[in-house]
């Protein structure tokens, strides 16, 4: 989650690469997102999103 200076949520990310544990604690997302923040364009990945072995995910952000 990214929040701007005024407290508004500007990006809410749900991980896209599912772990084999804790399914009850999170919902899966469908894609990576970017947002224009005050200091530049930002993207978010969480934990296992970076563990796919697919480097296209990193390049997308």
PDB file of N, CA and C in Angstrom:
ATOM      1  N   UNK A   1       0.838  -1.158   0.000  1.00  0.00           N
ATOM      2  CA  UNK A   1       0.000   0.000   0.000  1.00  0.00           C
ATOM      3  C   UNK A   1       0.890   1.230   0.000  1.00  0.00           C
ATOM      4  N   UNK A   2       0.593   2.169  -0.871  1.00  0.00           N
ATOM      5  CA  UNK A   2       1.276   3.463  -0.869  1.00  0.00           C
ATOM      6  C   UNK A   2       0.256   4.531  -0.498  1.00  0.00           C
ATOM      7  N   UNK A   3       0.664   5.401   0.404  1.00  0.00           N
ATOM      8  CA  UNK A   3      -0.210   6.456   0.909  1.00  0.00           C
ATOM      9  C   UNK A   3       0.468   7.796   0.644  1.00  0.00           C
ATOM     10  N   UNK A   4      -0.293   8.763   0.124  1.00  0.00           N
ATOM     11  CA  UNK A   4       0.302  10.076  -0.134  1.00  0.00           C
ATOM     12  C   UNK A   4       0.343  10.914   1.142  1.00  0.00           C
ATOM     13  N   UNK A   5       0.891  12.109   1.038  1.00  0.00           N
ATOM     14  CA  UNK A   5       1.064  12.970   2.215  1.00  0.00           C
ATOM     15  C   UNK A   5      -0.245  13.341   2.891  1.00  0.00           C
ATOM     16  N   UNK A   6      -1.326  13.352   2.135  1.00  0.00           N
ATOM     17  CA  UNK A   6      -2.619  13.716   2.717  1.00  0.00           C
ATOM     18  C   UNK A   6      -3.302  12.530   3.400  1.00  0.00           C
ATOM     19  N   UNK A   7      -2.700  11.333   3.297  1.00  0.00           N
ATOM     20  CA  UNK A   7      -3.270  10.137   3.910  1.00  0.00           C
ATOM     21  C   UNK A   7      -4.126   9.308   2.970  1.00  0.00           C
ATOM     22  N   UNK A   8      -4.205   9.713   1.711  1.00  0.00           N
ATOM     23  CA  UNK A   8      -4.993   8.990   0.715  1.00  0.00           C
ATOM     24  C   UNK A   8      -4.201   7.781   0.193  1.00  0.00           C
ATOM     25  N   UNK A   9      -4.861   6.626   0.119  1.00  0.00           N
ATOM     26  CA  UNK A   9      -4.239   5.434  -0.476  1.00  0.00           C
ATOM     27  C   UNK A   9      -4.175   5.658  -1.981  1.00  0.00           C
ATOM     28  N   UNK A  10      -2.965   5.643  -2.529  1.00  0.00           N
ATOM     29  CA  UNK A  10      -2.813   5.866  -3.967  1.00  0.00           C
ATOM     30  C   UNK A  10      -2.489   4.581  -4.729  1.00  0.00           C
ATOM     31  N   UNK A  11      -2.114   3.531  -4.017  1.00  0.00           N
ATOM     32  CA  UNK A  11      -1.887   2.234  -4.651  1.00  0.00           C
ATOM     33  C   UNK A  11      -2.091   1.143  -3.612  1.00  0.00           C
ATOM     34  N   UNK A  12      -2.889   0.156  -3.970  1.00  0.00           N
ATOM     35  CA  UNK A  12      -3.099  -1.006  -3.119  1.00  0.00           C
ATOM     36  C   UNK A  12      -2.682  -2.231  -3.916  1.00  0.00           C
ATOM     37  N   UNK A  13      -1.662  -2.912  -3.455  1.00  0.00           N
ATOM     38  CA  UNK A  13      -1.135  -4.076  -4.176  1.00  0.00           C
ATOM     39  C   UNK A  13      -1.509  -5.363  -3.457  1.00  0.00           C
ATOM     40  N   UNK A  14      -1.944  -6.335  -4.204  1.00  0.00           N
ATOM     41  CA  UNK A  14      -2.145  -7.691  -3.696  1.00  0.00           C
ATOM     42  C   UNK A  14      -1.151  -8.581  -4.421  1.00  0.00           C
ATOM     43  N   UNK A  15      -0.410  -9.381  -3.664  1.00  0.00           N
ATOM     44  CA  UNK A  15       0.646 -10.206  -4.256  1.00  0.00           C
ATOM     45  C   UNK A  15       0.083 -11.095  -5.359  1.00  0.00           C
ATOM     46  N   UNK A  16       0.885 -11.308  -6.390  1.00  0.00           N
ATOM     47  CA  UNK A  16       0.437 -12.083  -7.543  1.00  0.00           C
ATOM     48  C   UNK A  16       1.061 -13.473  -7.608  1.00  0.00           C
ATOM     49  N   UNK A  17       2.077 -13.710  -6.804  1.00  0.00           N
ATOM     50  CA  UNK A  17       2.709 -15.016  -6.767  1.00  0.00           C
ATOM     51  C   UNK A  17       2.351 -15.678  -5.442  1.00  0.00           C
ATOM     52  N   UNK A  18       1.541 -16.696  -5.506  1.00  0.00           N
ATOM     53  CA  UNK A  18       1.000 -17.331  -4.308  1.00  0.00           C
ATOM     54  C   UNK A  18       2.028 -18.207  -3.597  1.00  0.00           C
ATOM     55  N   UNK A  19       2.105 -18.065  -2.294  1.00  0.00           N
ATOM     56  CA  UNK A  19       2.922 -18.953  -1.482  1.00  0.00           C
ATOM     57  C   UNK A  19       2.111 -20.202  -1.132  1.00  0.00           C
ATOM     58  N   UNK A  20       2.780 -21.233  -0.695  1.00  0.00           N
ATOM     59  CA  UNK A  20       2.099 -22.476  -0.325  1.00  0.00           C
ATOM     60  C   UNK A  20       1.574 -22.454   1.104  1.00  0.00           C
ATOM     61  N   UNK A  21       1.722 -21.322   1.771  1.00  0.00           N
ATOM     62  CA  UNK A  21       1.269 -21.214   3.161  1.00  0.00           C
ATOM     63  C   UNK A  21       0.379 -19.986   3.331  1.00  0.00           C
ATOM     64  N   UNK A  22      -0.371 -19.977   4.390  1.00  0.00           N
ATOM     65  CA  UNK A  22      -1.135 -18.797   4.810  1.00  0.00           C
ATOM     66  C   UNK A  22      -2.163 -18.298   3.795  1.00  0.00           C
ATOM     67  N   UNK A  23      -2.781 -19.172   3.036  1.00  0.00           N
ATOM     68  CA  UNK A  23      -3.781 -18.767   2.048  1.00  0.00           C
ATOM     69  C   UNK A  23      -4.943 -18.000   2.673  1.00  0.00           C
ATOM     70  N   UNK A  24      -5.238 -18.289   3.911  1.00  0.00           N
ATOM     71  CA  UNK A  24      -6.372 -17.637   4.571  1.00  0.00           C
ATOM     72  C   UNK A  24      -6.083 -16.181   4.930  1.00  0.00           C
ATOM     73  N   UNK A  25      -4.824 -15.755   4.845  1.00  0.00           N
ATOM     74  CA  UNK A  25      -4.458 -14.423   5.317  1.00  0.00           C
ATOM     75  C   UNK A  25      -4.303 -13.371   4.227  1.00  0.00           C
ATOM     76  N   UNK A  26      -4.420 -13.742   2.984  1.00  0.00           N
ATOM     77  CA  UNK A  26      -4.285 -12.742   1.924  1.00  0.00           C
ATOM     78  C   UNK A  26      -5.109 -13.123   0.702  1.00  0.00           C
ATOM     79  N   UNK A  27      -5.405 -12.134  -0.119  1.00  0.00           N
ATOM     80  CA  UNK A  27      -6.108 -12.339  -1.384  1.00  0.00           C
ATOM     81  C   UNK A  27      -5.113 -12.102  -2.514  1.00  0.00           C
ATOM     82  N   UNK A  28      -5.197 -12.883  -3.552  1.00  0.00           N
ATOM     83  CA  UNK A  28      -4.287 -12.732  -4.687  1.00  0.00           C
ATOM     84  C   UNK A  28      -4.720 -11.593  -5.598  1.00  0.00           C
ATOM     85  N   UNK A  29      -3.730 -10.929  -6.159  1.00  0.00           N
ATOM     86  CA  UNK A  29      -3.979  -9.912  -7.161  1.00  0.00           C
ATOM     87  C   UNK A  29      -3.841 -10.509  -8.551  1.00  0.00           C
ATOM     88  N   UNK A  30      -4.074  -9.693  -9.556  1.00  0.00           N
ATOM     89  CA  UNK A  30      -4.021 -10.149 -10.942  1.00  0.00           C
ATOM     90  C   UNK A  30      -2.879  -9.528 -11.740  1.00  0.00           C
ATOM     91  N   UNK A  31      -2.343  -8.403 -11.263  1.00  0.00           N
ATOM     92  CA  UNK A  31      -1.330  -7.717 -12.057  1.00  0.00           C
ATOM     93  C   UNK A  31      -0.514  -6.773 -11.179  1.00  0.00           C
ATOM     94  N   UNK A  32       0.590  -6.311 -11.735  1.00  0.00           N
ATOM     95  CA  UNK A  32       1.389  -5.274 -11.103  1.00  0.00           C
ATOM     96  C   UNK A  32       0.797  -3.929 -11.488  1.00  0.00           C
ATOM     97  N   UNK A  33       0.962  -2.964 -10.621  1.00  0.00           N
ATOM     98  CA  UNK A  33       0.440  -1.631 -10.890  1.00  0.00           C
ATOM     99  C   UNK A  33       1.526  -0.606 -10.609  1.00  0.00           C
ATOM    100  N   UNK A  34       1.434   0.511 -11.275  1.00  0.00           N
ATOM    101  CA  UNK A  34       2.301   1.646 -10.988  1.00  0.00           C
ATOM    102  C   UNK A  34       1.416   2.855 -10.750  1.00  0.00           C
ATOM    103  N   UNK A  35       1.958   3.830 -10.041  1.00  0.00           N
ATOM    104  CA  UNK A  35       1.218   5.042  -9.734  1.00  0.00           C
ATOM    105  C   UNK A  35       2.175   6.221  -9.813  1.00  0.00           C
ATOM    106  N   UNK A  36       1.652   7.362 -10.219  1.00  0.00           N
ATOM    107  CA  UNK A  36       2.454   8.581 -10.238  1.00  0.00           C
ATOM    108  C   UNK A  36       2.370   9.216  -8.856  1.00  0.00           C
ATOM    109  N   UNK A  37       3.469   9.178  -8.135  1.00  0.00           N
ATOM    110  CA  UNK A  37       3.542   9.762  -6.795  1.00  0.00           C
ATOM    111  C   UNK A  37       4.202  11.138  -6.882  1.00  0.00           C
ATOM    112  N   UNK A  38       4.196  11.841  -5.792  1.00  0.00           N
ATOM    113  CA  UNK A  38       4.775  13.184  -5.724  1.00  0.00           C
ATOM    114  C   UNK A  38       6.239  13.192  -6.160  1.00  0.00           C
ATOM    115  N   UNK A  39       6.968  12.129  -5.875  1.00  0.00           N
ATOM    116  CA  UNK A  39       8.406  12.080  -6.137  1.00  0.00           C
ATOM    117  C   UNK A  39       8.773  11.192  -7.316  1.00  0.00           C
ATOM    118  N   UNK A  40       7.785  10.742  -8.089  1.00  0.00           N
ATOM    119  CA  UNK A  40       8.063   9.939  -9.270  1.00  0.00           C
ATOM    120  C   UNK A  40       7.105   8.773  -9.415  1.00  0.00           C
ATOM    121  N   UNK A  41       7.328   7.977 -10.423  1.00  0.00           N
ATOM    122  CA  UNK A  41       6.495   6.813 -10.682  1.00  0.00           C
ATOM    123  C   UNK A  41       6.952   5.661  -9.799  1.00  0.00           C
ATOM    124  N   UNK A  42       6.001   5.013  -9.128  1.00  0.00           N
ATOM    125  CA  UNK A  42       6.313   3.946  -8.173  1.00  0.00           C
ATOM    126  C   UNK A  42       5.533   2.686  -8.536  1.00  0.00           C
ATOM    127  N   UNK A  43       6.134   1.556  -8.241  1.00  0.00           N
ATOM    128  CA  UNK A  43       5.472   0.267  -8.344  1.00  0.00           C
ATOM    129  C   UNK A  43       5.775  -0.526  -7.088  1.00  0.00           C
ATOM    130  N   UNK A  44       4.977  -1.545  -6.812  1.00  0.00           N
ATOM    131  CA  UNK A  44       5.152  -2.339  -5.597  1.00  0.00           C
ATOM    132  C   UNK A  44       5.132  -3.824  -5.945  1.00  0.00           C
ATOM    133  N   UNK A  45       6.073  -4.563  -5.360  1.00  0.00           N
ATOM    134  CA  UNK A  45       6.049  -6.022  -5.371  1.00  0.00           C
ATOM    135  C   UNK A  45       6.158  -6.462  -3.922  1.00  0.00           C
ATOM    136  N   UNK A  46       5.565  -7.579  -3.590  1.00  0.00           N
ATOM    137  CA  UNK A  46       5.625  -8.087  -2.227  1.00  0.00           C
ATOM    138  C   UNK A  46       6.265  -9.469  -2.247  1.00  0.00           C
ATOM    139  N   UNK A  47       7.269  -9.648  -1.430  1.00  0.00           N
ATOM    140  CA  UNK A  47       7.852 -10.935  -1.075  1.00  0.00           C
ATOM    141  C   UNK A  47       7.948 -11.904  -2.250  1.00  0.00           C
ATOM    142  N   UNK A  48       7.053 -12.857  -2.333  1.00  0.00           N
ATOM    143  CA  UNK A  48       7.120 -13.922  -3.326  1.00  0.00           C
ATOM    144  C   UNK A  48       6.864 -13.440  -4.752  1.00  0.00           C
ATOM    145  N   UNK A  49       6.373 -12.214  -4.932  1.00  0.00           N
ATOM    146  CA  UNK A  49       6.211 -11.688  -6.288  1.00  0.00           C
ATOM    147  C   UNK A  49       7.541 -11.688  -7.027  1.00  0.00           C
ATOM    148  N   UNK A  50       8.636 -11.549  -6.300  1.00  0.00           N
ATOM    149  CA  UNK A  50       9.966 -11.514  -6.907  1.00  0.00           C
ATOM    150  C   UNK A  50      10.565 -12.904  -7.089  1.00  0.00           C
ATOM    151  N   UNK A  51       9.866 -13.939  -6.683  1.00  0.00           N
ATOM    152  CA  UNK A  51      10.412 -15.301  -6.701  1.00  0.00           C
ATOM    153  C   UNK A  51       9.857 -16.176  -7.810  1.00  0.00           C
ATOM    154  N   UNK A  52       9.383 -15.588  -8.865  1.00  0.00           N
ATOM    155  CA  UNK A  52       8.769 -16.381  -9.928  1.00  0.00           C
ATOM    156  C   UNK A  52       9.781 -16.973 -10.890  1.00  0.00           C
ATOM    157  N   UNK A  53      10.985 -16.406 -10.921  1.00  0.00           N
ATOM    158  CA  UNK A  53      11.951 -16.837 -11.925  1.00  0.00           C
ATOM    159  C   UNK A  53      11.664 -16.193 -13.271  1.00  0.00           C
ATOM    160  N   UNK A  54      10.641 -15.372 -13.332  1.00  0.00           N
ATOM    161  CA  UNK A  54      10.236 -14.692 -14.558  1.00  0.00           C
ATOM    162  C   UNK A  54      10.673 -13.233 -14.453  1.00  0.00           C
ATOM    163  N   UNK A  55      11.716 -12.858 -15.152  1.00  0.00           N
ATOM    164  CA  UNK A  55      12.268 -11.513 -15.025  1.00  0.00           C
ATOM    165  C   UNK A  55      11.386 -10.454 -15.673  1.00  0.00           C
ATOM    166  N   UNK A  56      10.361 -10.852 -16.412  1.00  0.00           N
ATOM    167  CA  UNK A  56       9.429  -9.882 -16.987  1.00  0.00           C
ATOM    168  C   UNK A  56       8.720  -9.097 -15.898  1.00  0.00           C
ATOM    169  N   UNK A  57       8.497  -9.709 -14.753  1.00  0.00           N
ATOM    170  CA  UNK A  57       7.829  -9.006 -13.657  1.00  0.00           C
ATOM    171  C   UNK A  57       8.657  -7.809 -13.223  1.00  0.00           C
ATOM    172  N   UNK A  58       9.952  -7.985 -13.040  1.00  0.00           N
ATOM    173  CA  UNK A  58      10.810  -6.870 -12.615  1.00  0.00           C
ATOM    174  C   UNK A  58      10.822  -5.769 -13.659  1.00  0.00           C
ATOM    175  N   UNK A  59      10.881  -6.134 -14.917  1.00  0.00           N
ATOM    176  CA  UNK A  59      10.951  -5.158 -15.994  1.00  0.00           C
ATOM    177  C   UNK A  59       9.647  -4.399 -16.153  1.00  0.00           C
ATOM    178  N   UNK A  60       8.540  -5.024 -15.783  1.00  0.00           N
ATOM    179  CA  UNK A  60       7.230  -4.361 -15.891  1.00  0.00           C
ATOM    180  C   UNK A  60       7.180  -3.138 -15.006  1.00  0.00           C
ATOM    181  N   UNK A  61       7.724  -3.263 -13.796  1.00  0.00           N
ATOM    182  CA  UNK A  61       7.727  -2.118 -12.895  1.00  0.00           C
ATOM    183  C   UNK A  61       8.697  -1.073 -13.380  1.00  0.00           C
TER     184      UNK A  61
END
